[in-house]
Amino acid sequence: MIERALAILDRFVAAVLVAAMTLVLPVSLLLFLQWPLRDLVQAYSREANDIAQLLFALYVAAAISYASRRGVHLAADVVAHRYRAATRTRLARVASLCVLAPWSLFILYTSGPMVVQSLRQLEAFPETFNPGYFVVKVALWLLALLVLLQALLDAWRSPRSERP
């Protein structure tokens, strides 16, 4: 029963991460278009920048969990690389529960009032007053939630190398 729930959660997290990784293309395009829009068209460069910021915030929120999921994030393993694989796996599971899960819960809790207020107001960008700045703050929640879910998956599932 728990394995089935973890498998469903794993597929959900994977789908969210794959969807978020596709944001790199529109972010790149919008950042590229800022200069021609400003210099040639002389309009819409700020809007392109604002939309790129929104998409970039969502992209980065997912990219951190994606890197952790793939085991390609920066890791302090100067000493740990000498440990047996089973010991490293146990350390990763303990760290997931004792470091990543509490950190993400702390971020979700402490940022709650700020994110909720921003959502209620549908906060706009401070410089341009374009709508959508609240998405940047929601991305903080997305980041913390994905880290929490991945930490739980890492703590209770088989190691990454055994995943399909």
C-alpha atoms as a PDB file:
ATOM      1  CA  MET A   1       0.000   0.000   0.000  1.00  0.00           C
ATOM      2  CA  ILE A   2       2.745   2.451   0.997  1.00  0.00           C
ATOM      3  CA  GLU A   3       4.854   1.416  -1.997  1.00  0.00           C
ATOM      4  CA  ARG A   4       1.925   2.119  -4.306  1.00  0.00           C
ATOM      5  CA  ALA A   5       1.369   5.556  -2.766  1.00  0.00           C
ATOM      6  CA  LEU A   6       5.078   6.314  -3.067  1.00  0.00           C
ATOM      7  CA  ALA A   7       5.064   5.211  -6.700  1.00  0.00           C
ATOM      8  CA  ILE A   8       2.145   7.538  -7.445  1.00  0.00           C
ATOM      9  CA  LEU A   9       3.864  10.387  -5.611  1.00  0.00           C
ATOM     10  CA  ASP A  10       7.084   9.665  -7.494  1.00  0.00           C
ATOM     11  CA  ARG A  11       5.293   9.816 -10.852  1.00  0.00           C
ATOM     12  CA  PHE A  12       3.560  13.053  -9.829  1.00  0.00           C
ATOM     13  CA  VAL A  13       6.838  14.709  -8.830  1.00  0.00           C
ATOM     14  CA  ALA A  14       8.479  13.460 -12.034  1.00  0.00           C
ATOM     15  CA  ALA A  15       5.654  14.908 -14.152  1.00  0.00           C
ATOM     16  CA  VAL A  16       5.854  18.297 -12.419  1.00  0.00           C
ATOM     17  CA  LEU A  17       9.617  18.387 -12.891  1.00  0.00           C
ATOM     18  CA  VAL A  18       9.463  17.414 -16.564  1.00  0.00           C
ATOM     19  CA  ALA A  19       6.827  20.083 -17.186  1.00  0.00           C
ATOM     20  CA  ALA A  20       8.910  22.702 -15.384  1.00  0.00           C
ATOM     21  CA  MET A  21      12.065  21.805 -17.290  1.00  0.00           C
ATOM     22  CA  THR A  22      10.357  22.823 -20.527  1.00  0.00           C
ATOM     23  CA  LEU A  23      10.245  26.397 -19.213  1.00  0.00           C
ATOM     24  CA  VAL A  24      13.896  26.892 -20.063  1.00  0.00           C
ATOM     25  CA  LEU A  25      13.045  27.479 -23.732  1.00  0.00           C
ATOM     26  CA  PRO A  26      10.495  30.283 -23.262  1.00  0.00           C
ATOM     27  CA  VAL A  27      12.722  31.884 -20.607  1.00  0.00           C
ATOM     28  CA  SER A  28      15.641  31.903 -23.027  1.00  0.00           C
ATOM     29  CA  LEU A  29      13.486  33.259 -25.844  1.00  0.00           C
ATOM     30  CA  LEU A  30      12.008  36.033 -23.718  1.00  0.00           C
ATOM     31  CA  LEU A  31      15.400  37.094 -22.409  1.00  0.00           C
ATOM     32  CA  PHE A  32      16.760  37.099 -25.949  1.00  0.00           C
ATOM     33  CA  LEU A  33      13.824  39.185 -27.207  1.00  0.00           C
ATOM     34  CA  GLN A  34      14.272  41.918 -24.595  1.00  0.00           C
ATOM     35  CA  TRP A  35      17.013  43.677 -26.554  1.00  0.00           C
ATOM     36  CA  PRO A  36      15.276  43.744 -29.956  1.00  0.00           C
ATOM     37  CA  LEU A  37      12.005  44.739 -28.305  1.00  0.00           C
ATOM     38  CA  ARG A  38      13.688  47.609 -26.505  1.00  0.00           C
ATOM     39  CA  ASP A  39      15.981  48.772 -29.335  1.00  0.00           C
ATOM     40  CA  LEU A  40      13.972  48.027 -32.486  1.00  0.00           C
ATOM     41  CA  VAL A  41      10.320  47.897 -31.465  1.00  0.00           C
ATOM     42  CA  GLN A  42      10.784  50.270 -28.519  1.00  0.00           C
ATOM     43  CA  ALA A  43       8.006  48.544 -26.621  1.00  0.00           C
ATOM     44  CA  TYR A  44       7.219  45.417 -24.597  1.00  0.00           C
ATOM     45  CA  SER A  45      10.769  44.752 -23.347  1.00  0.00           C
ATOM     46  CA  ARG A  46       9.687  45.194 -19.720  1.00  0.00           C
ATOM     47  CA  GLU A  47       6.765  42.852 -20.222  1.00  0.00           C
ATOM     48  CA  ALA A  48       9.092  40.248 -21.742  1.00  0.00           C
ATOM     49  CA  ASN A  49      11.394  40.663 -18.746  1.00  0.00           C
ATOM     50  CA  ASP A  50       8.534  40.295 -16.258  1.00  0.00           C
ATOM     51  CA  ILE A  51       7.215  37.133 -17.909  1.00  0.00           C
ATOM     52  CA  ALA A  52      10.747  35.733 -18.070  1.00  0.00           C
ATOM     53  CA  GLN A  53      11.133  36.376 -14.333  1.00  0.00           C
ATOM     54  CA  LEU A  54       7.931  34.470 -13.604  1.00  0.00           C
ATOM     55  CA  LEU A  55       8.932  31.510 -15.712  1.00  0.00           C
ATOM     56  CA  PHE A  56      12.480  31.547 -14.364  1.00  0.00           C
ATOM     57  CA  ALA A  57      11.217  31.459 -10.764  1.00  0.00           C
ATOM     58  CA  LEU A  58       9.118  28.397 -11.550  1.00  0.00           C
ATOM     59  CA  TYR A  59      11.995  26.789 -13.440  1.00  0.00           C
ATOM     60  CA  VAL A  60      14.477  27.268 -10.595  1.00  0.00           C
ATOM     61  CA  ALA A  61      11.946  26.038  -8.042  1.00  0.00           C
ATOM     62  CA  ALA A  62      11.775  22.737  -9.900  1.00  0.00           C
ATOM     63  CA  ALA A  63      15.396  22.569 -11.030  1.00  0.00           C
ATOM     64  CA  ILE A  64      16.712  22.195  -7.492  1.00  0.00           C
ATOM     65  CA  SER A  65      14.579  19.119  -6.867  1.00  0.00           C
ATOM     66  CA  TYR A  66      15.359  17.807 -10.335  1.00  0.00           C
ATOM     67  CA  ALA A  67      19.093  17.988  -9.634  1.00  0.00           C
ATOM     68  CA  SER A  68      18.638  16.281  -6.268  1.00  0.00           C
ATOM     69  CA  ARG A  69      16.481  13.600  -7.836  1.00  0.00           C
ATOM     70  CA  ARG A  70      19.140  12.844 -10.432  1.00  0.00           C
ATOM     71  CA  GLY A  71      21.973  12.991  -7.912  1.00  0.00           C
ATOM     72  CA  VAL A  72      23.771  15.751  -9.825  1.00  0.00           C
ATOM     73  CA  HIS A  73      23.489  18.563  -7.307  1.00  0.00           C
ATOM     74  CA  LEU A  74      26.515  19.845  -5.473  1.00  0.00           C
ATOM     75  CA  ALA A  75      27.322  17.471  -2.646  1.00  0.00           C
ATOM     76  CA  ALA A  76      29.912  17.554   0.072  1.00  0.00           C
ATOM     77  CA  ASP A  77      31.269  14.077  -0.315  1.00  0.00           C
ATOM     78  CA  VAL A  78      34.963  14.677   0.266  1.00  0.00           C
ATOM     79  CA  VAL A  79      34.833  12.123   3.060  1.00  0.00           C
ATOM     80  CA  ALA A  80      31.639  10.240   2.171  1.00  0.00           C
ATOM     81  CA  HIS A  81      32.902   8.958  -1.185  1.00  0.00           C
ATOM     82  CA  ARG A  82      35.097   6.553   0.799  1.00  0.00           C
ATOM     83  CA  TYR A  83      32.072   5.028   2.548  1.00  0.00           C
ATOM     84  CA  ARG A  84      30.332   1.916   1.341  1.00  0.00           C
ATOM     85  CA  ALA A  85      27.304   2.491  -0.898  1.00  0.00           C
ATOM     86  CA  ALA A  86      24.954   1.216   1.811  1.00  0.00           C
ATOM     87  CA  THR A  87      26.367   3.705   4.313  1.00  0.00           C
ATOM     88  CA  ARG A  88      26.008   6.568   1.839  1.00  0.00           C
ATOM     89  CA  THR A  89      22.416   5.522   1.173  1.00  0.00           C
ATOM     90  CA  ARG A  90      21.620   5.493   4.901  1.00  0.00           C
ATOM     91  CA  LEU A  91      23.240   8.909   5.331  1.00  0.00           C
ATOM     92  CA  ALA A  92      21.203  10.292   2.432  1.00  0.00           C
ATOM     93  CA  ARG A  93      17.990   8.938   3.934  1.00  0.00           C
ATOM     94  CA  VAL A  94      18.764  10.355   7.369  1.00  0.00           C
ATOM     95  CA  ALA A  95      19.703  13.713   5.850  1.00  0.00           C
ATOM     96  CA  SER A  96      16.463  13.735   3.876  1.00  0.00           C
ATOM     97  CA  LEU A  97      14.434  13.324   7.050  1.00  0.00           C
ATOM     98  CA  CYS A  98      16.562  15.387   9.429  1.00  0.00           C
ATOM     99  CA  VAL A  99      17.658  18.243   7.152  1.00  0.00           C
ATOM    100  CA  LEU A 100      15.601  18.605   3.972  1.00  0.00           C
ATOM    101  CA  ALA A 101      12.149  17.801   5.357  1.00  0.00           C
ATOM    102  CA  PRO A 102      12.392  20.171   8.361  1.00  0.00           C
ATOM    103  CA  TRP A 103      13.938  22.914   6.216  1.00  0.00           C
ATOM    104  CA  SER A 104      11.172  22.713   3.635  1.00  0.00           C
ATOM    105  CA  LEU A 105       8.466  22.661   6.320  1.00  0.00           C
ATOM    106  CA  PHE A 106      10.081  25.716   7.911  1.00  0.00           C
ATOM    107  CA  ILE A 107      10.073  27.560   4.571  1.00  0.00           C
ATOM    108  CA  LEU A 108       6.444  26.634   3.917  1.00  0.00           C
ATOM    109  CA  TYR A 109       5.417  27.799   7.393  1.00  0.00           C
ATOM    110  CA  THR A 110       7.404  31.039   7.588  1.00  0.00           C
ATOM    111  CA  SER A 111       6.654  32.177   4.052  1.00  0.00           C
ATOM    112  CA  GLY A 112       2.959  31.381   4.404  1.00  0.00           C
ATOM    113  CA  PRO A 113       1.674  34.836   5.392  1.00  0.00           C
ATOM    114  CA  MET A 114       3.751  36.561   2.704  1.00  0.00           C
ATOM    115  CA  VAL A 115       2.655  34.181  -0.068  1.00  0.00           C
ATOM    116  CA  VAL A 116      -1.009  34.231   0.976  1.00  0.00           C
ATOM    117  CA  GLN A 117      -1.048  38.036   1.109  1.00  0.00           C
ATOM    118  CA  SER A 118       0.605  38.229  -2.298  1.00  0.00           C
ATOM    119  CA  LEU A 119      -1.965  35.807  -3.718  1.00  0.00           C
ATOM    120  CA  ARG A 120      -4.891  37.699  -2.181  1.00  0.00           C
ATOM    121  CA  GLN A 121      -3.670  40.956  -3.671  1.00  0.00           C
ATOM    122  CA  LEU A 122      -2.571  39.351  -6.945  1.00  0.00           C
ATOM    123  CA  GLU A 123       0.615  41.322  -6.396  1.00  0.00           C
ATOM    124  CA  ALA A 124       2.097  43.110  -9.399  1.00  0.00           C
ATOM    125  CA  PHE A 125       5.721  43.786 -10.246  1.00  0.00           C
ATOM    126  CA  PRO A 126       6.922  46.779  -8.209  1.00  0.00           C
ATOM    127  CA  GLU A 127       8.716  48.579 -11.061  1.00  0.00           C
ATOM    128  CA  THR A 128       6.278  48.045 -13.920  1.00  0.00           C
ATOM    129  CA  PHE A 129       3.016  47.295 -12.093  1.00  0.00           C
ATOM    130  CA  ASN A 130       2.504  44.416 -14.517  1.00  0.00           C
ATOM    131  CA  PRO A 131       0.411  41.651 -12.949  1.00  0.00           C
ATOM    132  CA  GLY A 132       1.845  38.323 -11.900  1.00  0.00           C
ATOM    133  CA  TYR A 133       4.542  39.001  -9.325  1.00  0.00           C
ATOM    134  CA  PHE A 134       2.672  36.741  -6.923  1.00  0.00           C
ATOM    135  CA  VAL A 135       3.808  33.803  -9.079  1.00  0.00           C
ATOM    136  CA  VAL A 136       7.398  34.461  -7.995  1.00  0.00           C
ATOM    137  CA  LYS A 137       6.323  34.077  -4.376  1.00  0.00           C
ATOM    138  CA  VAL A 138       4.254  30.982  -5.136  1.00  0.00           C
ATOM    139  CA  ALA A 139       7.403  29.524  -6.717  1.00  0.00           C
ATOM    140  CA  LEU A 140       8.967  29.631  -3.246  1.00  0.00           C
ATOM    141  CA  TRP A 141       6.201  27.338  -2.022  1.00  0.00           C
ATOM    142  CA  LEU A 142       6.673  25.118  -5.066  1.00  0.00           C
ATOM    143  CA  LEU A 143      10.385  24.873  -4.303  1.00  0.00           C
ATOM    144  CA  ALA A 144       9.821  23.929  -0.670  1.00  0.00           C
ATOM    145  CA  LEU A 145       7.004  21.497  -1.504  1.00  0.00           C
ATOM    146  CA  LEU A 146       9.027  19.694  -4.165  1.00  0.00           C
ATOM    147  CA  VAL A 147      12.031  19.454  -1.825  1.00  0.00           C
ATOM    148  CA  LEU A 148       9.771  18.033   0.899  1.00  0.00           C
ATOM    149  CA  LEU A 149       8.163  15.480  -1.408  1.00  0.00           C
ATOM    150  CA  GLN A 150      11.521  14.422  -2.825  1.00  0.00           C
ATOM    151  CA  ALA A 151      12.983  14.126   0.693  1.00  0.00           C
ATOM    152  CA  LEU A 152      10.115  11.851   1.705  1.00  0.00           C
ATOM    153  CA  LEU A 153      10.560   9.773  -1.427  1.00  0.00           C
ATOM    154  CA  ASP A 154      14.298   9.504  -0.826  1.00  0.00           C
ATOM    155  CA  ALA A 155      13.785   8.517   2.795  1.00  0.00           C
ATOM    156  CA  TRP A 156      11.282   5.728   2.172  1.00  0.00           C
ATOM    157  CA  ARG A 157      12.047   4.420  -1.274  1.00  0.00           C
ATOM    158  CA  SER A 158      14.852   2.419  -2.729  1.00  0.00           C
ATOM    159  CA  PRO A 159      17.954   4.392  -3.715  1.00  0.00           C
ATOM    160  CA  ARG A 160      17.905   6.503  -6.890  1.00  0.00           C
ATOM    161  CA  SER A 161      20.019   3.983  -8.751  1.00  0.00           C
ATOM    162  CA  GLU A 162      17.236   1.376  -8.374  1.00  0.00           C
ATOM    163  CA  ARG A 163      14.502   3.613  -9.782  1.00  0.00           C
ATOM    164  CA  PRO A 164      13.135   2.876 -13.228  1.00  0.00           C
END
